[in-house]
Every structure is written in C-alpha cells, then in structure tokens.
Amino acid sequence: MGMTKQAYDEQGYNIPVHWMRHPTDKKGRLFYGYWNAAVARVPKSAKTGRVADAGSGDGRVLGLLRDAGFKHLTGIDYSKRALQFVEGIIPDAQLVRADLKKIPLAGDTFDAIVCIETMEHIHPEELPLVCKELARILKPGGTLVVTVPGVGYGPAKGAHYQHFTVESLTKYLSVDLKVKKIEGQDRMGFHPLKVLYTFMDNPWWDLKKWSRWYNLHIWPRYFNVCEAEKGRRLIATCVKPAL
C-alpha cells in the first residue's frame, strides 16, 4: 500500500497512520478514494478464495477487504514494523515478510492480488521482476489490481522513483498479464462543484458539516474515478491468462 521498508524506515512511522485516516476530511477522502476503488475491482468470486495485498504496509487495505467479506487474506511486505501493525489489528491475516522481487510462496496461489501505491517505490530496473512475481503467484484467471501515481500527481521525488502514464504502466504489466482496463483516480481540472467545496472548506467560517458531507457523497461520486488521462492516479485491472 505504498509503505515499503524504505518508506517506513526513512519516514520513521511509529504508529499505523493509515488506520487514522477518515473519509470525511480532505486528505482522508483521497486515501479512501483509491483504497475503495481498488477493493471494488476485486471480483466478488474471490471472497471464498485467497486474496493478497502486495506491499501491504500497516494493513489498512487488508482491513477494507476484510470488511467487504474477503476472508482468506495475506499481507506481503518487507517491513517488519509494518507487519507487526497488521498482526495486532488483523490477527487472522497470513503475513509474509518478503521482497516483492522474490516472494516465498508457491505459484498459482491467489485468486486476486492488490498492489496499492507501491510500484512507485520500486526502482524501474527491478519493477519487471516484481510484476513477474505477482503474476507467478496469481492463479490463472485471477485478478491483479494496481494503483500508482500518474504524471498528473507531479514529478516523482522522495521515496518515489517514478510516476506512470497509461503506456508505461501497461508496458510493465502486460508482459505476463492481460491489462483489462486502466482508469484515472482523483479527477483533475475545473468543475463548479470544486469551487463550491473551496467555499465550504475555508478557515474563515465553520462549515465542517457540509465539507464532511461533500467528502463522503459528492467527491466520491464525481471526482474519484474518471478517464485515465484526467486522473492524478491510475488504477489498472489485470487478469492472468488461463492455461
């Protein structure tokens, strides 16, 4: 979920910060935007199978998958600290401490895998190995859902090696998987409803009730998922070809 070992160690996380986000505030709506969009793209048929979060971080997306009815969950992350958070919050989840370039699990294991805001933390030279591993542990016919920052998110910096275009993301994923769809997330550009929100979310007056309502109902409906070229992030839904 974007919290690789490097990110945890460099930023010094001592608490499971993603569990403290709330969808009613401006920053929380962005996190829940791509989290919920990713969970919604995991096939309901996988609820009786096995689902993994590759780069699971503190386990917030695993928690959302659990709440959506997915029962057999696995968190894969290199960070010992991150997995300790998951162990304390979701004790039923299987945890695997591993580099995503070499996952110590059998092939054809999972009915679905999510990889949320993680690939931008992986060096471009190593990313093909990660994509190959994710495809290897996915069952034929299984689904991989990936979210990454798009070029509209701005230049890559800090713990991010790169941001992605539809073409660059497709290039990485299509070697071993069929890319069914790439969508945008967090719609950019002018819209009258955004102007309304700017008016409501203003420190000079207290309209918190209305801004919370906007974050819960208006923004998810009109600005969360959009055409790929209009989104700050990208959401890719892929399938492993059946044998």
C-alpha atoms as a PDB file:
ATOM      1  CA  MET A   1       0.000   0.000   0.000  1.00  0.00           C
ATOM      2  CA  GLY A   2       2.851   2.359  -0.686  1.00  0.00           C
ATOM      3  CA  MET A   3       4.618   1.593   2.584  1.00  0.00           C
ATOM      4  CA  THR A   4       7.702  -0.357   1.624  1.00  0.00           C
ATOM      5  CA  LYS A   5      10.504  -0.932   4.121  1.00  0.00           C
ATOM      6  CA  GLN A   6      12.347   2.069   2.729  1.00  0.00           C
ATOM      7  CA  ALA A   7       9.353   4.329   3.258  1.00  0.00           C
ATOM      8  CA  TYR A   8       8.770   3.109   6.815  1.00  0.00           C
ATOM      9  CA  ASP A   9      12.394   3.369   7.848  1.00  0.00           C
ATOM     10  CA  GLU A  10      13.038   6.758   6.241  1.00  0.00           C
ATOM     11  CA  GLN A  11       9.844   8.405   7.460  1.00  0.00           C
ATOM     12  CA  GLY A  12      10.027   6.890  10.932  1.00  0.00           C
ATOM     13  CA  TYR A  13       6.460   5.632  11.279  1.00  0.00           C
ATOM     14  CA  ASN A  14       5.780   4.513  14.835  1.00  0.00           C
ATOM     15  CA  ILE A  15       2.005   4.232  14.525  1.00  0.00           C
ATOM     16  CA  PRO A  16      -0.293   2.689  11.872  1.00  0.00           C
ATOM     17  CA  VAL A  17      -1.017   6.049  10.246  1.00  0.00           C
ATOM     18  CA  HIS A  18      -3.341   4.766   7.521  1.00  0.00           C
ATOM     19  CA  TRP A  19      -5.767   3.465  10.138  1.00  0.00           C
ATOM     20  CA  MET A  20      -6.070   7.020  11.464  1.00  0.00           C
ATOM     21  CA  ARG A  21      -7.365   8.484   8.191  1.00  0.00           C
ATOM     22  CA  HIS A  22     -11.067   9.289   7.950  1.00  0.00           C
ATOM     23  CA  PRO A  23     -13.062   9.688   4.712  1.00  0.00           C
ATOM     24  CA  THR A  24     -14.839  12.823   5.964  1.00  0.00           C
ATOM     25  CA  ASP A  25     -11.747  15.038   5.772  1.00  0.00           C
ATOM     26  CA  LYS A  26      -9.959  16.295   2.689  1.00  0.00           C
ATOM     27  CA  LYS A  27      -6.864  14.115   2.980  1.00  0.00           C
ATOM     28  CA  GLY A  28      -8.794  11.051   4.095  1.00  0.00           C
ATOM     29  CA  ARG A  29     -11.118  11.183   1.099  1.00  0.00           C
ATOM     30  CA  LEU A  30      -8.085  10.841  -1.193  1.00  0.00           C
ATOM     31  CA  PHE A  31      -6.806   7.745   0.609  1.00  0.00           C
ATOM     32  CA  TYR A  32     -10.241   6.128   0.791  1.00  0.00           C
ATOM     33  CA  GLY A  33     -10.779   7.100  -2.829  1.00  0.00           C
ATOM     34  CA  TYR A  34      -8.138   4.785  -4.241  1.00  0.00           C
ATOM     35  CA  TRP A  35      -8.435   2.222  -1.452  1.00  0.00           C
ATOM     36  CA  ASN A  36     -12.171   1.740  -2.013  1.00  0.00           C
ATOM     37  CA  ALA A  37     -11.804   1.847  -5.790  1.00  0.00           C
ATOM     38  CA  ALA A  38      -9.213  -0.942  -5.644  1.00  0.00           C
ATOM     39  CA  VAL A  39     -11.315  -3.110  -3.316  1.00  0.00           C
ATOM     40  CA  ALA A  40     -14.357  -2.615  -5.581  1.00  0.00           C
ATOM     41  CA  ARG A  41     -12.376  -4.044  -8.514  1.00  0.00           C
ATOM     42  CA  VAL A  42     -11.533  -7.300  -6.765  1.00  0.00           C
ATOM     43  CA  PRO A  43     -14.030  -9.883  -8.073  1.00  0.00           C
ATOM     44  CA  LYS A  44     -16.654 -10.960  -5.575  1.00  0.00           C
ATOM     45  CA  SER A  45     -15.891 -14.561  -6.551  1.00  0.00           C
ATOM     46  CA  ALA A  46     -12.564 -14.168  -4.715  1.00  0.00           C
ATOM     47  CA  LYS A  47     -14.401 -13.858  -1.378  1.00  0.00           C
ATOM     48  CA  THR A  48     -14.196 -17.630  -0.991  1.00  0.00           C
ATOM     49  CA  GLY A  49     -10.623 -17.781  -2.255  1.00  0.00           C
ATOM     50  CA  ARG A  50      -7.298 -16.218  -1.270  1.00  0.00           C
ATOM     51  CA  VAL A  51      -6.515 -12.524  -1.678  1.00  0.00           C
ATOM     52  CA  ALA A  52      -3.149 -10.834  -1.092  1.00  0.00           C
ATOM     53  CA  ASP A  53      -2.022  -7.252  -0.642  1.00  0.00           C
ATOM     54  CA  ALA A  54       1.488  -6.944  -2.086  1.00  0.00           C
ATOM     55  CA  GLY A  55       3.165  -4.085  -0.259  1.00  0.00           C
ATOM     56  CA  SER A  56       0.513  -4.219   2.463  1.00  0.00           C
ATOM     57  CA  GLY A  57       2.055  -1.632   4.789  1.00  0.00           C
ATOM     58  CA  ASP A  58       0.094  -1.276   8.017  1.00  0.00           C
ATOM     59  CA  GLY A  59      -2.781  -3.327   6.615  1.00  0.00           C
ATOM     60  CA  ARG A  60      -5.463  -0.704   6.042  1.00  0.00           C
ATOM     61  CA  VAL A  61      -6.457  -2.128   2.644  1.00  0.00           C
ATOM     62  CA  LEU A  62      -6.476  -5.627   4.126  1.00  0.00           C
ATOM     63  CA  GLY A  63      -8.931  -4.248   6.678  1.00  0.00           C
ATOM     64  CA  LEU A  64     -11.170  -2.899   3.934  1.00  0.00           C
ATOM     65  CA  LEU A  65     -11.015  -6.225   2.108  1.00  0.00           C
ATOM     66  CA  ARG A  66     -11.980  -7.992   5.332  1.00  0.00           C
ATOM     67  CA  ASP A  67     -14.879  -5.580   5.848  1.00  0.00           C
ATOM     68  CA  ALA A  68     -16.024  -6.259   2.266  1.00  0.00           C
ATOM     69  CA  GLY A  69     -16.292 -10.000   3.027  1.00  0.00           C
ATOM     70  CA  PHE A  70     -12.956 -11.369   1.778  1.00  0.00           C
ATOM     71  CA  LYS A  71     -11.939 -13.976   4.324  1.00  0.00           C
ATOM     72  CA  HIS A  72      -8.579 -15.533   3.427  1.00  0.00           C
ATOM     73  CA  LEU A  73      -6.185 -12.581   3.395  1.00  0.00           C
ATOM     74  CA  THR A  74      -2.406 -12.375   3.087  1.00  0.00           C
ATOM     75  CA  GLY A  75      -0.236  -9.326   3.661  1.00  0.00           C
ATOM     76  CA  ILE A  76       3.172  -9.252   1.941  1.00  0.00           C
ATOM     77  CA  ASP A  77       5.691  -6.566   2.913  1.00  0.00           C
ATOM     78  CA  TYR A  78       9.409  -6.257   3.578  1.00  0.00           C
ATOM     79  CA  SER A  79       8.938  -4.074   6.662  1.00  0.00           C
ATOM     80  CA  LYS A  80       8.868  -5.953   9.955  1.00  0.00           C
ATOM     81  CA  ARG A  81       7.340  -2.901  11.626  1.00  0.00           C
ATOM     82  CA  ALA A  82       4.525  -2.735   9.094  1.00  0.00           C
ATOM     83  CA  LEU A  83       3.669  -6.409   9.522  1.00  0.00           C
ATOM     84  CA  GLN A  84       3.628  -6.010  13.299  1.00  0.00           C
ATOM     85  CA  PHE A  85       0.873  -3.445  12.863  1.00  0.00           C
ATOM     86  CA  VAL A  86      -1.113  -5.886  10.713  1.00  0.00           C
ATOM     87  CA  GLU A  87      -0.586  -8.708  13.202  1.00  0.00           C
ATOM     88  CA  GLY A  88      -2.038  -6.605  16.001  1.00  0.00           C
ATOM     89  CA  ILE A  89      -5.025  -5.294  14.058  1.00  0.00           C
ATOM     90  CA  ILE A  90      -5.931  -8.210  11.744  1.00  0.00           C
ATOM     91  CA  PRO A  91      -4.725 -11.309  13.594  1.00  0.00           C
ATOM     92  CA  ASP A  92      -6.388 -13.707  11.149  1.00  0.00           C
ATOM     93  CA  ALA A  93      -4.364 -12.486   8.174  1.00  0.00           C
ATOM     94  CA  GLN A  94      -1.441 -14.564   6.944  1.00  0.00           C
ATOM     95  CA  LEU A  95       1.714 -12.436   6.922  1.00  0.00           C
ATOM     96  CA  VAL A  96       4.728 -12.887   4.668  1.00  0.00           C
ATOM     97  CA  ARG A  97       7.843 -10.801   5.120  1.00  0.00           C
ATOM     98  CA  ALA A  98       9.446 -10.677   1.710  1.00  0.00           C
ATOM     99  CA  ASP A  99      10.982  -8.572  -1.004  1.00  0.00           C
ATOM    100  CA  LEU A 100       8.413  -8.424  -3.796  1.00  0.00           C
ATOM    101  CA  LYS A 101      11.099  -9.478  -6.270  1.00  0.00           C
ATOM    102  CA  LYS A 102      11.255 -12.895  -4.591  1.00  0.00           C
ATOM    103  CA  ILE A 103       8.116 -13.959  -2.749  1.00  0.00           C
ATOM    104  CA  PRO A 104       8.487 -17.280  -0.886  1.00  0.00           C
ATOM    105  CA  LEU A 105       5.091 -18.627  -1.905  1.00  0.00           C
ATOM    106  CA  ALA A 106       4.041 -21.248  -4.429  1.00  0.00           C
ATOM    107  CA  GLY A 107       2.872 -20.223  -7.872  1.00  0.00           C
ATOM    108  CA  ASP A 108      -0.851 -20.022  -8.661  1.00  0.00           C
ATOM    109  CA  THR A 109      -1.697 -19.281  -5.023  1.00  0.00           C
ATOM    110  CA  PHE A 110      -4.045 -16.281  -5.069  1.00  0.00           C
ATOM    111  CA  ASP A 111      -7.412 -15.633  -6.659  1.00  0.00           C
ATOM    112  CA  ALA A 112      -6.724 -11.900  -6.500  1.00  0.00           C
ATOM    113  CA  ILE A 113      -3.900  -9.542  -5.546  1.00  0.00           C
ATOM    114  CA  VAL A 114      -3.946  -5.813  -4.876  1.00  0.00           C
ATOM    115  CA  CYS A 115      -0.823  -3.675  -5.086  1.00  0.00           C
ATOM    116  CA  ILE A 116      -1.687  -0.219  -3.805  1.00  0.00           C
ATOM    117  CA  GLU A 117       0.666   2.777  -4.207  1.00  0.00           C
ATOM    118  CA  THR A 118       3.697   0.508  -4.082  1.00  0.00           C
ATOM    119  CA  MET A 119       5.203   0.269  -7.555  1.00  0.00           C
ATOM    120  CA  GLU A 120       6.397   3.877  -7.488  1.00  0.00           C
ATOM    121  CA  HIS A 121       8.675   2.903  -4.582  1.00  0.00           C
ATOM    122  CA  ILE A 122      10.418   0.210  -6.641  1.00  0.00           C
ATOM    123  CA  HIS A 123      13.422   1.005  -8.816  1.00  0.00           C
ATOM    124  CA  PRO A 124      12.452   0.877 -12.509  1.00  0.00           C
ATOM    125  CA  GLU A 125      15.103  -1.765 -13.202  1.00  0.00           C
ATOM    126  CA  GLU A 126      13.587  -4.045 -10.555  1.00  0.00           C
ATOM    127  CA  LEU A 127       9.921  -3.447 -11.348  1.00  0.00           C
ATOM    128  CA  PRO A 128       9.737  -6.060 -14.155  1.00  0.00           C
ATOM    129  CA  LEU A 129      10.880  -8.692 -11.631  1.00  0.00           C
ATOM    130  CA  VAL A 130       8.139  -7.611  -9.219  1.00  0.00           C
ATOM    131  CA  CYS A 131       5.467  -7.767 -11.917  1.00  0.00           C
ATOM    132  CA  LYS A 132       6.668 -11.224 -12.901  1.00  0.00           C
ATOM    133  CA  GLU A 133       6.477 -12.435  -9.283  1.00  0.00           C
ATOM    134  CA  LEU A 134       2.967 -11.075  -8.815  1.00  0.00           C
ATOM    135  CA  ALA A 135       1.879 -12.840 -11.988  1.00  0.00           C
ATOM    136  CA  ARG A 136       3.565 -16.053 -10.840  1.00  0.00           C
ATOM    137  CA  ILE A 137       1.688 -16.272  -7.523  1.00  0.00           C
ATOM    138  CA  LEU A 138      -1.632 -15.316  -9.117  1.00  0.00           C
ATOM    139  CA  LYS A 139      -3.872 -18.162 -10.237  1.00  0.00           C
ATOM    140  CA  PRO A 140      -4.754 -18.441 -13.939  1.00  0.00           C
ATOM    141  CA  GLY A 141      -7.854 -16.325 -14.391  1.00  0.00           C
ATOM    142  CA  GLY A 142      -7.011 -14.371 -11.223  1.00  0.00           C
ATOM    143  CA  THR A 143      -7.162 -10.585 -10.953  1.00  0.00           C
ATOM    144  CA  LEU A 144      -4.422  -8.088 -10.092  1.00  0.00           C
ATOM    145  CA  VAL A 145      -5.472  -4.527  -9.160  1.00  0.00           C
ATOM    146  CA  VAL A 146      -2.739  -1.877  -9.117  1.00  0.00           C
ATOM    147  CA  THR A 147      -2.858   1.792  -8.168  1.00  0.00           C
ATOM    148  CA  VAL A 148       0.024   4.200  -8.846  1.00  0.00           C
ATOM    149  CA  PRO A 149       0.549   7.950  -9.047  1.00  0.00           C
ATOM    150  CA  GLY A 150       0.063   9.241 -12.579  1.00  0.00           C
ATOM    151  CA  VAL A 151       2.070  12.029 -14.151  1.00  0.00           C
ATOM    152  CA  GLY A 152      -0.683  14.426 -13.062  1.00  0.00           C
ATOM    153  CA  TYR A 153       0.413  13.787  -9.496  1.00  0.00           C
ATOM    154  CA  GLY A 154       3.539  15.806 -10.226  1.00  0.00           C
ATOM    155  CA  PRO A 155       7.217  14.889 -10.554  1.00  0.00           C
ATOM    156  CA  ALA A 156       8.489  11.837  -8.688  1.00  0.00           C
ATOM    157  CA  LYS A 157      10.522  12.746  -5.611  1.00  0.00           C
ATOM    158  CA  GLY A 158      11.439  11.478  -2.173  1.00  0.00           C
ATOM    159  CA  ALA A 159      10.715   7.756  -1.919  1.00  0.00           C
ATOM    160  CA  HIS A 160       9.102   7.713  -5.391  1.00  0.00           C
ATOM    161  CA  TYR A 161      11.273   6.563  -8.288  1.00  0.00           C
ATOM    162  CA  GLN A 162       8.714   7.305 -10.995  1.00  0.00           C
ATOM    163  CA  HIS A 163       5.139   8.252 -11.783  1.00  0.00           C
ATOM    164  CA  PHE A 164       3.291   6.483 -14.558  1.00  0.00           C
ATOM    165  CA  THR A 165       1.499   7.050 -17.817  1.00  0.00           C
ATOM    166  CA  VAL A 166      -1.025   4.577 -19.212  1.00  0.00           C
ATOM    167  CA  GLU A 167       1.656   3.477 -21.668  1.00  0.00           C
ATOM    168  CA  SER A 168       4.449   2.971 -19.120  1.00  0.00           C
ATOM    169  CA  LEU A 169       2.200   1.130 -16.666  1.00  0.00           C
ATOM    170  CA  THR A 170       0.874  -1.098 -19.452  1.00  0.00           C
ATOM    171  CA  LYS A 171       4.428  -1.881 -20.544  1.00  0.00           C
ATOM    172  CA  TYR A 172       5.306  -3.245 -17.096  1.00  0.00           C
ATOM    173  CA  LEU A 173       2.092  -5.184 -16.524  1.00  0.00           C
ATOM    174  CA  SER A 174       1.392  -6.619 -19.962  1.00  0.00           C
ATOM    175  CA  VAL A 175       4.437  -8.900 -20.106  1.00  0.00           C
ATOM    176  CA  ASP A 176       2.753 -11.642 -18.059  1.00  0.00           C
ATOM    177  CA  LEU A 177      -0.793 -10.321 -17.604  1.00  0.00           C
ATOM    178  CA  LYS A 178      -3.669  -9.088 -19.707  1.00  0.00           C
ATOM    179  CA  VAL A 179      -4.430  -5.455 -18.863  1.00  0.00           C
ATOM    180  CA  LYS A 180      -8.223  -5.241 -18.997  1.00  0.00           C
ATOM    181  CA  LYS A 181      -8.646  -1.588 -18.068  1.00  0.00           C
ATOM    182  CA  ILE A 182      -6.726   1.425 -16.805  1.00  0.00           C
ATOM    183  CA  GLU A 183      -8.751   4.202 -15.197  1.00  0.00           C
ATOM    184  CA  GLY A 184      -7.940   7.531 -13.639  1.00  0.00           C
ATOM    185  CA  GLN A 185      -8.446   8.390  -9.984  1.00  0.00           C
ATOM    186  CA  ASP A 186      -8.689  11.818  -8.280  1.00  0.00           C
ATOM    187  CA  ARG A 187     -10.009  13.818 -11.219  1.00  0.00           C
ATOM    188  CA  MET A 188      -8.072  16.933 -12.147  1.00  0.00           C
ATOM    189  CA  GLY A 189      -9.341  20.136 -13.695  1.00  0.00           C
ATOM    190  CA  PHE A 190     -12.012  22.747 -13.142  1.00  0.00           C
ATOM    191  CA  HIS A 191     -15.516  21.828 -12.033  1.00  0.00           C
ATOM    192  CA  PRO A 192     -18.204  24.029 -10.392  1.00  0.00           C
ATOM    193  CA  LEU A 193     -18.581  21.581  -7.513  1.00  0.00           C
ATOM    194  CA  LYS A 194     -14.888  22.001  -6.714  1.00  0.00           C
ATOM    195  CA  VAL A 195     -15.454  25.740  -6.437  1.00  0.00           C
ATOM    196  CA  LEU A 196     -18.320  25.036  -4.032  1.00  0.00           C
ATOM    197  CA  TYR A 197     -16.045  22.889  -1.907  1.00  0.00           C
ATOM    198  CA  THR A 198     -13.374  25.594  -1.813  1.00  0.00           C
ATOM    199  CA  PHE A 199     -16.036  27.924  -0.450  1.00  0.00           C
ATOM    200  CA  MET A 200     -17.125  25.424   2.223  1.00  0.00           C
ATOM    201  CA  ASP A 201     -13.654  24.290   3.284  1.00  0.00           C
ATOM    202  CA  ASN A 202     -12.482  27.723   4.405  1.00  0.00           C
ATOM    203  CA  PRO A 203     -10.824  28.609   7.746  1.00  0.00           C
ATOM    204  CA  TRP A 204     -12.772  31.879   7.936  1.00  0.00           C
ATOM    205  CA  TRP A 205     -16.091  30.184   8.671  1.00  0.00           C
ATOM    206  CA  ASP A 206     -17.208  26.892  10.140  1.00  0.00           C
ATOM    207  CA  LEU A 207     -18.953  24.746   7.554  1.00  0.00           C
ATOM    208  CA  LYS A 208     -17.382  21.471   8.621  1.00  0.00           C
ATOM    209  CA  LYS A 209     -20.682  19.586   8.496  1.00  0.00           C
ATOM    210  CA  TRP A 210     -21.100  20.494   4.822  1.00  0.00           C
ATOM    211  CA  SER A 211     -17.484  19.791   3.905  1.00  0.00           C
ATOM    212  CA  ARG A 212     -17.752  16.348   5.536  1.00  0.00           C
ATOM    213  CA  TRP A 213     -20.931  15.686   3.539  1.00  0.00           C
ATOM    214  CA  TYR A 214     -19.137  16.756   0.361  1.00  0.00           C
ATOM    215  CA  ASN A 215     -16.174  14.448   1.104  1.00  0.00           C
ATOM    216  CA  LEU A 216     -18.448  11.477   1.739  1.00  0.00           C
ATOM    217  CA  HIS A 217     -21.004  11.915  -1.043  1.00  0.00           C
ATOM    218  CA  ILE A 218     -20.089  14.447  -3.735  1.00  0.00           C
ATOM    219  CA  TRP A 219     -16.369  13.861  -4.226  1.00  0.00           C
ATOM    220  CA  PRO A 220     -16.598  10.029  -4.444  1.00  0.00           C
ATOM    221  CA  ARG A 221     -19.416  10.314  -6.986  1.00  0.00           C
ATOM    222  CA  TYR A 222     -17.980  12.962  -9.316  1.00  0.00           C
ATOM    223  CA  PHE A 223     -14.213  13.090  -8.799  1.00  0.00           C
ATOM    224  CA  ASN A 224     -12.896   9.744  -7.580  1.00  0.00           C
ATOM    225  CA  VAL A 225     -12.761   7.502 -10.662  1.00  0.00           C
ATOM    226  CA  CYS A 226     -12.507   9.067 -14.106  1.00  0.00           C
ATOM    227  CA  GLU A 227     -10.917   8.709 -17.528  1.00  0.00           C
ATOM    228  CA  ALA A 228      -7.251   7.757 -17.265  1.00  0.00           C
ATOM    229  CA  GLU A 229      -5.967  10.989 -18.803  1.00  0.00           C
ATOM    230  CA  LYS A 230      -7.900  13.090 -16.260  1.00  0.00           C
ATOM    231  CA  GLY A 231      -6.712  11.337 -13.083  1.00  0.00           C
ATOM    232  CA  ARG A 232      -3.823  12.168 -10.789  1.00  0.00           C
ATOM    233  CA  ARG A 233      -3.535   8.441 -10.153  1.00  0.00           C
ATOM    234  CA  LEU A 234      -4.073   5.368 -12.293  1.00  0.00           C
ATOM    235  CA  ILE A 235      -5.948   2.173 -11.431  1.00  0.00           C
ATOM    236  CA  ALA A 236      -5.104  -0.885 -13.521  1.00  0.00           C
ATOM    237  CA  THR A 237      -7.179  -4.062 -13.516  1.00  0.00           C
ATOM    238  CA  CYS A 238      -5.342  -7.071 -14.929  1.00  0.00           C
ATOM    239  CA  VAL A 239      -6.066 -10.771 -15.382  1.00  0.00           C
ATOM    240  CA  LYS A 240      -3.654 -13.677 -15.595  1.00  0.00           C
ATOM    241  CA  PRO A 241      -4.427 -15.615 -18.767  1.00  0.00           C
ATOM    242  CA  ALA A 242      -5.996 -19.008 -18.142  1.00  0.00           C
ATOM    243  CA  LEU A 243      -3.986 -22.078 -19.075  1.00  0.00           C
END
